Amino acid sequence: MSLKAMVFANNARASKFYFRTETVVTIMRAEFVNPFLASLLNVLKTMASMELAPQKPRLKRDEVARGDVSGLIGMIGPKTKGSMSVTFEEGLALEIMQRMLGERPHGINEEVTDMVGEITNMVTGGAKRILSDKGYEFEMATPAVVSGRGHTITHKCDGAIIIMPFDSEYGKAYIEICFD
């Protein structure tokens, strides 16, 4: 069914994301999601001198990636299990590569996919540090990287998939988060 209501507050007072459909009400705590979003912004600002503009989050109902190259990482702990992916459109991935490593390939290649895997690790590691201060502990798997237009991302958990788009002058990035 269609998304009936979505409220997202991107400030310190927000404590929950609310997504309501006719059959399911899903609540994902902002205190759990925000560290991943903040970590992506921090990694790209620090490593690539790049600012991204967060857009409105929404529920994702399919497995098709919105960009051209994705890093996916699983996480498991005593209180939760889930996964997170970071997806970049090709133009943005190539610009990040140029800024981080000083080289710009003509398309997505092995070096770009390696970089996306490292960014996925850095984002998850940054979020893990923030979350451990709040009592959430989890172990991280090795990220898998997939590329190509129309590739799919399969989250191995039962929770809702939240997708958060980010805009830049070079293209879009997306974070997907899914936790049981």
C-alpha atoms as a PDB file:
ATOM      1  CA  MET A   1       0.000   0.000   0.000  1.00  0.00           C
ATOM      2  CA  SER A   2       1.066   3.627  -0.310  1.00  0.00           C
ATOM      3  CA  LEU A   3       2.931   5.562   2.297  1.00  0.00           C
ATOM      4  CA  LYS A   4       0.251   7.461   4.247  1.00  0.00           C
ATOM      5  CA  ALA A   5       2.327   9.550   6.598  1.00  0.00           C
ATOM      6  CA  MET A   6       5.966  10.162   7.212  1.00  0.00           C
ATOM      7  CA  VAL A   7       7.474  12.480   9.757  1.00  0.00           C
ATOM      8  CA  PHE A   8      11.190  13.058   9.885  1.00  0.00           C
ATOM      9  CA  ALA A   9      12.812  15.535  12.192  1.00  0.00           C
ATOM     10  CA  ASN A  10      16.482  16.124  11.530  1.00  0.00           C
ATOM     11  CA  ASN A  11      17.329  17.689  14.868  1.00  0.00           C
ATOM     12  CA  ALA A  12      18.405  16.772  18.356  1.00  0.00           C
ATOM     13  CA  ARG A  13      14.810  16.677  19.665  1.00  0.00           C
ATOM     14  CA  ALA A  14      13.768  13.881  17.291  1.00  0.00           C
ATOM     15  CA  SER A  15      13.699  10.457  18.834  1.00  0.00           C
ATOM     16  CA  LYS A  16      11.865   8.303  16.283  1.00  0.00           C
ATOM     17  CA  PHE A  17      11.121   7.877  12.620  1.00  0.00           C
ATOM     18  CA  TYR A  18       7.458   7.054  12.055  1.00  0.00           C
ATOM     19  CA  PHE A  19       6.360   5.284   8.897  1.00  0.00           C
ATOM     20  CA  ARG A  20       2.689   4.333   8.638  1.00  0.00           C
ATOM     21  CA  THR A  21       0.983   2.195   6.040  1.00  0.00           C
ATOM     22  CA  GLU A  22      -2.465   0.648   6.141  1.00  0.00           C
ATOM     23  CA  THR A  23      -1.153  -2.658   7.435  1.00  0.00           C
ATOM     24  CA  VAL A  24       2.073  -1.918   9.284  1.00  0.00           C
ATOM     25  CA  VAL A  25       3.389   0.744  11.588  1.00  0.00           C
ATOM     26  CA  THR A  26       7.159   0.695  11.794  1.00  0.00           C
ATOM     27  CA  ILE A  27       9.138   2.747  14.249  1.00  0.00           C
ATOM     28  CA  MET A  28      12.876   3.079  13.827  1.00  0.00           C
ATOM     29  CA  ARG A  29      14.680   5.072  16.453  1.00  0.00           C
ATOM     30  CA  ALA A  30      16.442   8.145  15.092  1.00  0.00           C
ATOM     31  CA  GLU A  31      19.112   7.697  17.765  1.00  0.00           C
ATOM     32  CA  PHE A  32      19.998   4.457  15.968  1.00  0.00           C
ATOM     33  CA  VAL A  33      19.754   5.721  12.370  1.00  0.00           C
ATOM     34  CA  ASN A  34      21.312   9.164  12.726  1.00  0.00           C
ATOM     35  CA  PRO A  35      24.838   7.902  13.534  1.00  0.00           C
ATOM     36  CA  PHE A  36      24.991   6.223  10.099  1.00  0.00           C
ATOM     37  CA  LEU A  37      23.836   9.396   8.360  1.00  0.00           C
ATOM     38  CA  ALA A  38      26.224  11.595  10.319  1.00  0.00           C
ATOM     39  CA  SER A  39      29.069   9.167   9.713  1.00  0.00           C
ATOM     40  CA  LEU A  40      28.585   9.259   5.922  1.00  0.00           C
ATOM     41  CA  LEU A  41      28.596  13.056   5.954  1.00  0.00           C
ATOM     42  CA  ASN A  42      31.712  13.081   8.146  1.00  0.00           C
ATOM     43  CA  VAL A  43      33.605  10.501   6.053  1.00  0.00           C
ATOM     44  CA  LEU A  44      32.978  12.361   2.786  1.00  0.00           C
ATOM     45  CA  LYS A  45      33.750  15.760   4.296  1.00  0.00           C
ATOM     46  CA  THR A  46      36.966  14.514   5.902  1.00  0.00           C
ATOM     47  CA  MET A  47      38.247  12.182   3.184  1.00  0.00           C
ATOM     48  CA  ALA A  48      36.975  13.909   0.023  1.00  0.00           C
ATOM     49  CA  SER A  49      36.298  17.519   1.123  1.00  0.00           C
ATOM     50  CA  MET A  50      32.746  17.018  -0.097  1.00  0.00           C
ATOM     51  CA  GLU A  51      29.416  18.151   1.339  1.00  0.00           C
ATOM     52  CA  LEU A  52      26.210  16.206   0.717  1.00  0.00           C
ATOM     53  CA  ALA A  53      22.720  17.596   1.283  1.00  0.00           C
ATOM     54  CA  PRO A  54      20.408  15.167   3.121  1.00  0.00           C
ATOM     55  CA  GLN A  55      16.936  14.769   1.611  1.00  0.00           C
ATOM     56  CA  LYS A  56      13.773  13.213   3.069  1.00  0.00           C
ATOM     57  CA  PRO A  57      13.944   9.549   4.109  1.00  0.00           C
ATOM     58  CA  ARG A  58      11.322   7.087   2.966  1.00  0.00           C
ATOM     59  CA  LEU A  59      10.454   3.422   3.073  1.00  0.00           C
ATOM     60  CA  LYS A  60      12.023   1.346   0.325  1.00  0.00           C
ATOM     61  CA  ARG A  61       9.814  -1.440  -0.994  1.00  0.00           C
ATOM     62  CA  ASP A  62      12.037  -3.105  -3.588  1.00  0.00           C
ATOM     63  CA  GLU A  63      15.591  -4.378  -3.904  1.00  0.00           C
ATOM     64  CA  VAL A  64      16.712  -2.262  -6.886  1.00  0.00           C
ATOM     65  CA  ALA A  65      19.588   0.095  -6.070  1.00  0.00           C
ATOM     66  CA  ARG A  66      19.043   3.760  -6.866  1.00  0.00           C
ATOM     67  CA  GLY A  67      22.659   4.294  -7.965  1.00  0.00           C
ATOM     68  CA  ASP A  68      25.444   2.535  -9.827  1.00  0.00           C
ATOM     69  CA  VAL A  69      27.752   1.123  -7.138  1.00  0.00           C
ATOM     70  CA  SER A  70      26.822  -0.068  -3.625  1.00  0.00           C
ATOM     71  CA  GLY A  71      28.599  -1.286  -0.525  1.00  0.00           C
ATOM     72  CA  LEU A  72      26.507  -3.537   1.747  1.00  0.00           C
ATOM     73  CA  ILE A  73      27.508  -4.579   5.244  1.00  0.00           C
ATOM     74  CA  GLY A  74      25.806  -6.812   7.789  1.00  0.00           C
ATOM     75  CA  MET A  75      25.788  -6.168  11.515  1.00  0.00           C
ATOM     76  CA  ILE A  76      24.799  -8.400  14.405  1.00  0.00           C
ATOM     77  CA  GLY A  77      24.738  -7.893  18.130  1.00  0.00           C
ATOM     78  CA  PRO A  78      22.964  -9.023  21.285  1.00  0.00           C
ATOM     79  CA  LYS A  79      20.213  -6.380  20.915  1.00  0.00           C
ATOM     80  CA  THR A  80      19.858  -6.121  17.150  1.00  0.00           C
ATOM     81  CA  LYS A  81      20.640  -7.515  13.711  1.00  0.00           C
ATOM     82  CA  GLY A  82      20.592  -5.668  10.427  1.00  0.00           C
ATOM     83  CA  SER A  83      22.406  -4.258   7.446  1.00  0.00           C
ATOM     84  CA  MET A  84      23.358  -0.961   5.908  1.00  0.00           C
ATOM     85  CA  SER A  85      24.234  -0.050   2.346  1.00  0.00           C
ATOM     86  CA  VAL A  86      25.780   3.027   0.771  1.00  0.00           C
ATOM     87  CA  THR A  87      25.059   3.577  -2.925  1.00  0.00           C
ATOM     88  CA  PHE A  88      26.553   6.191  -5.241  1.00  0.00           C
ATOM     89  CA  GLU A  89      25.634   7.317  -8.715  1.00  0.00           C
ATOM     90  CA  GLU A  90      28.599   6.914 -11.061  1.00  0.00           C
ATOM     91  CA  GLY A  91      29.422  10.629 -11.382  1.00  0.00           C
ATOM     92  CA  LEU A  92      29.568  11.068  -7.616  1.00  0.00           C
ATOM     93  CA  ALA A  93      31.648   7.905  -7.104  1.00  0.00           C
ATOM     94  CA  LEU A  94      34.166   9.086  -9.716  1.00  0.00           C
ATOM     95  CA  GLU A  95      34.390  12.548  -8.142  1.00  0.00           C
ATOM     96  CA  ILE A  96      34.978  11.030  -4.691  1.00  0.00           C
ATOM     97  CA  MET A  97      37.715   8.846  -6.230  1.00  0.00           C
ATOM     98  CA  GLN A  98      39.321  11.943  -7.776  1.00  0.00           C
ATOM     99  CA  ARG A  99      39.239  13.835  -4.490  1.00  0.00           C
ATOM    100  CA  MET A 100      40.376  10.962  -2.269  1.00  0.00           C
ATOM    101  CA  LEU A 101      43.018   9.354  -4.463  1.00  0.00           C
ATOM    102  CA  GLY A 102      43.856  11.933  -7.124  1.00  0.00           C
ATOM    103  CA  GLU A 103      42.801   9.749 -10.035  1.00  0.00           C
ATOM    104  CA  ARG A 104      39.603   9.679 -12.057  1.00  0.00           C
ATOM    105  CA  PRO A 105      38.855   6.507 -13.990  1.00  0.00           C
ATOM    106  CA  HIS A 106      36.595   6.640 -17.046  1.00  0.00           C
ATOM    107  CA  GLY A 107      33.986   4.472 -15.319  1.00  0.00           C
ATOM    108  CA  ILE A 108      33.383   2.229 -12.359  1.00  0.00           C
ATOM    109  CA  ASN A 109      36.265  -0.202 -12.077  1.00  0.00           C
ATOM    110  CA  GLU A 110      37.941  -2.332  -9.394  1.00  0.00           C
ATOM    111  CA  GLU A 111      39.574   0.677  -7.717  1.00  0.00           C
ATOM    112  CA  VAL A 112      36.211   2.454  -7.446  1.00  0.00           C
ATOM    113  CA  THR A 113      34.509  -0.625  -5.987  1.00  0.00           C
ATOM    114  CA  ASP A 114      37.386  -0.993  -3.494  1.00  0.00           C
ATOM    115  CA  MET A 115      36.913   2.652  -2.487  1.00  0.00           C
ATOM    116  CA  VAL A 116      33.162   2.130  -1.988  1.00  0.00           C
ATOM    117  CA  GLY A 117      33.910  -0.890   0.213  1.00  0.00           C
ATOM    118  CA  GLU A 118      36.281   1.220   2.309  1.00  0.00           C
ATOM    119  CA  ILE A 119      33.741   4.040   2.600  1.00  0.00           C
ATOM    120  CA  THR A 120      31.135   1.469   3.710  1.00  0.00           C
ATOM    121  CA  ASN A 121      33.572   0.235   6.386  1.00  0.00           C
ATOM    122  CA  MET A 122      34.372   3.777   7.563  1.00  0.00           C
ATOM    123  CA  VAL A 123      30.689   4.786   7.764  1.00  0.00           C
ATOM    124  CA  THR A 124      29.765   1.660   9.720  1.00  0.00           C
ATOM    125  CA  GLY A 125      32.810   1.981  11.978  1.00  0.00           C
ATOM    126  CA  GLY A 126      31.953   5.610  12.757  1.00  0.00           C
ATOM    127  CA  ALA A 127      28.350   4.718  13.541  1.00  0.00           C
ATOM    128  CA  LYS A 128      29.492   1.779  15.665  1.00  0.00           C
ATOM    129  CA  ARG A 129      31.615   4.095  17.836  1.00  0.00           C
ATOM    130  CA  ILE A 130      28.679   6.474  18.387  1.00  0.00           C
ATOM    131  CA  LEU A 131      26.222   3.647  19.086  1.00  0.00           C
ATOM    132  CA  SER A 132      28.503   1.870  21.545  1.00  0.00           C
ATOM    133  CA  ASP A 133      28.324   4.997  23.745  1.00  0.00           C
ATOM    134  CA  LYS A 134      24.523   4.485  23.809  1.00  0.00           C
ATOM    135  CA  GLY A 135      24.756   0.806  24.761  1.00  0.00           C
ATOM    136  CA  TYR A 136      24.328  -0.710  21.280  1.00  0.00           C
ATOM    137  CA  GLU A 137      27.060  -3.200  20.507  1.00  0.00           C
ATOM    138  CA  PHE A 138      27.391  -5.098  17.242  1.00  0.00           C
ATOM    139  CA  GLU A 139      29.944  -6.830  15.089  1.00  0.00           C
ATOM    140  CA  MET A 140      30.430  -5.899  11.452  1.00  0.00           C
ATOM    141  CA  ALA A 141      30.841  -8.272   8.524  1.00  0.00           C
ATOM    142  CA  THR A 142      33.136  -7.607   5.597  1.00  0.00           C
ATOM    143  CA  PRO A 143      31.320  -5.366   3.112  1.00  0.00           C
ATOM    144  CA  ALA A 144      30.196  -6.705  -0.241  1.00  0.00           C
ATOM    145  CA  VAL A 145      30.289  -4.320  -3.210  1.00  0.00           C
ATOM    146  CA  VAL A 146      28.000  -4.574  -6.224  1.00  0.00           C
ATOM    147  CA  SER A 147      27.995  -2.348  -9.290  1.00  0.00           C
ATOM    148  CA  GLY A 148      26.056  -1.850 -12.492  1.00  0.00           C
ATOM    149  CA  ARG A 149      22.868  -0.053 -13.367  1.00  0.00           C
ATOM    150  CA  GLY A 150      19.824  -1.763 -11.901  1.00  0.00           C
ATOM    151  CA  HIS A 151      21.787  -3.976  -9.489  1.00  0.00           C
ATOM    152  CA  THR A 152      19.944  -5.215  -6.433  1.00  0.00           C
ATOM    153  CA  ILE A 153      20.573  -4.943  -2.698  1.00  0.00           C
ATOM    154  CA  THR A 154      19.124  -7.651  -0.464  1.00  0.00           C
ATOM    155  CA  HIS A 155      18.950  -6.861   3.246  1.00  0.00           C
ATOM    156  CA  LYS A 156      18.847 -10.062   5.310  1.00  0.00           C
ATOM    157  CA  CYS A 157      16.494  -8.897   8.042  1.00  0.00           C
ATOM    158  CA  ASP A 158      12.769  -8.603   8.630  1.00  0.00           C
ATOM    159  CA  GLY A 159      12.564  -4.905   9.466  1.00  0.00           C
ATOM    160  CA  ALA A 160      11.524  -2.060   7.192  1.00  0.00           C
ATOM    161  CA  ILE A 161      14.160  -0.666   4.843  1.00  0.00           C
ATOM    162  CA  ILE A 162      14.685   3.059   5.297  1.00  0.00           C
ATOM    163  CA  ILE A 163      16.351   4.843   2.353  1.00  0.00           C
ATOM    164  CA  MET A 164      17.921   8.251   2.849  1.00  0.00           C
ATOM    165  CA  PRO A 165      18.912  10.156  -0.299  1.00  0.00           C
ATOM    166  CA  PHE A 166      21.689  12.752  -0.376  1.00  0.00           C
ATOM    167  CA  ASP A 167      22.258  15.294  -3.147  1.00  0.00           C
ATOM    168  CA  SER A 168      25.487  16.780  -4.456  1.00  0.00           C
ATOM    169  CA  GLU A 169      26.476  18.659  -7.572  1.00  0.00           C
ATOM    170  CA  TYR A 170      28.071  15.423  -8.876  1.00  0.00           C
ATOM    171  CA  GLY A 171      25.135  13.088  -8.320  1.00  0.00           C
ATOM    172  CA  LYS A 172      23.232  11.339  -5.574  1.00  0.00           C
ATOM    173  CA  ALA A 173      24.170   9.007  -2.747  1.00  0.00           C
ATOM    174  CA  TYR A 174      21.803   6.795  -0.776  1.00  0.00           C
ATOM    175  CA  ILE A 175      21.996   5.053   2.575  1.00  0.00           C
ATOM    176  CA  GLU A 176      19.679   2.127   3.191  1.00  0.00           C
ATOM    177  CA  ILE A 177      19.257   0.855   6.739  1.00  0.00           C
ATOM    178  CA  CYS A 178      17.332  -2.225   7.834  1.00  0.00           C
ATOM    179  CA  PHE A 179      17.221  -3.665  11.362  1.00  0.00           C
ATOM    180  CA  ASP A 180      15.129  -6.308  13.091  1.00  0.00           C
END
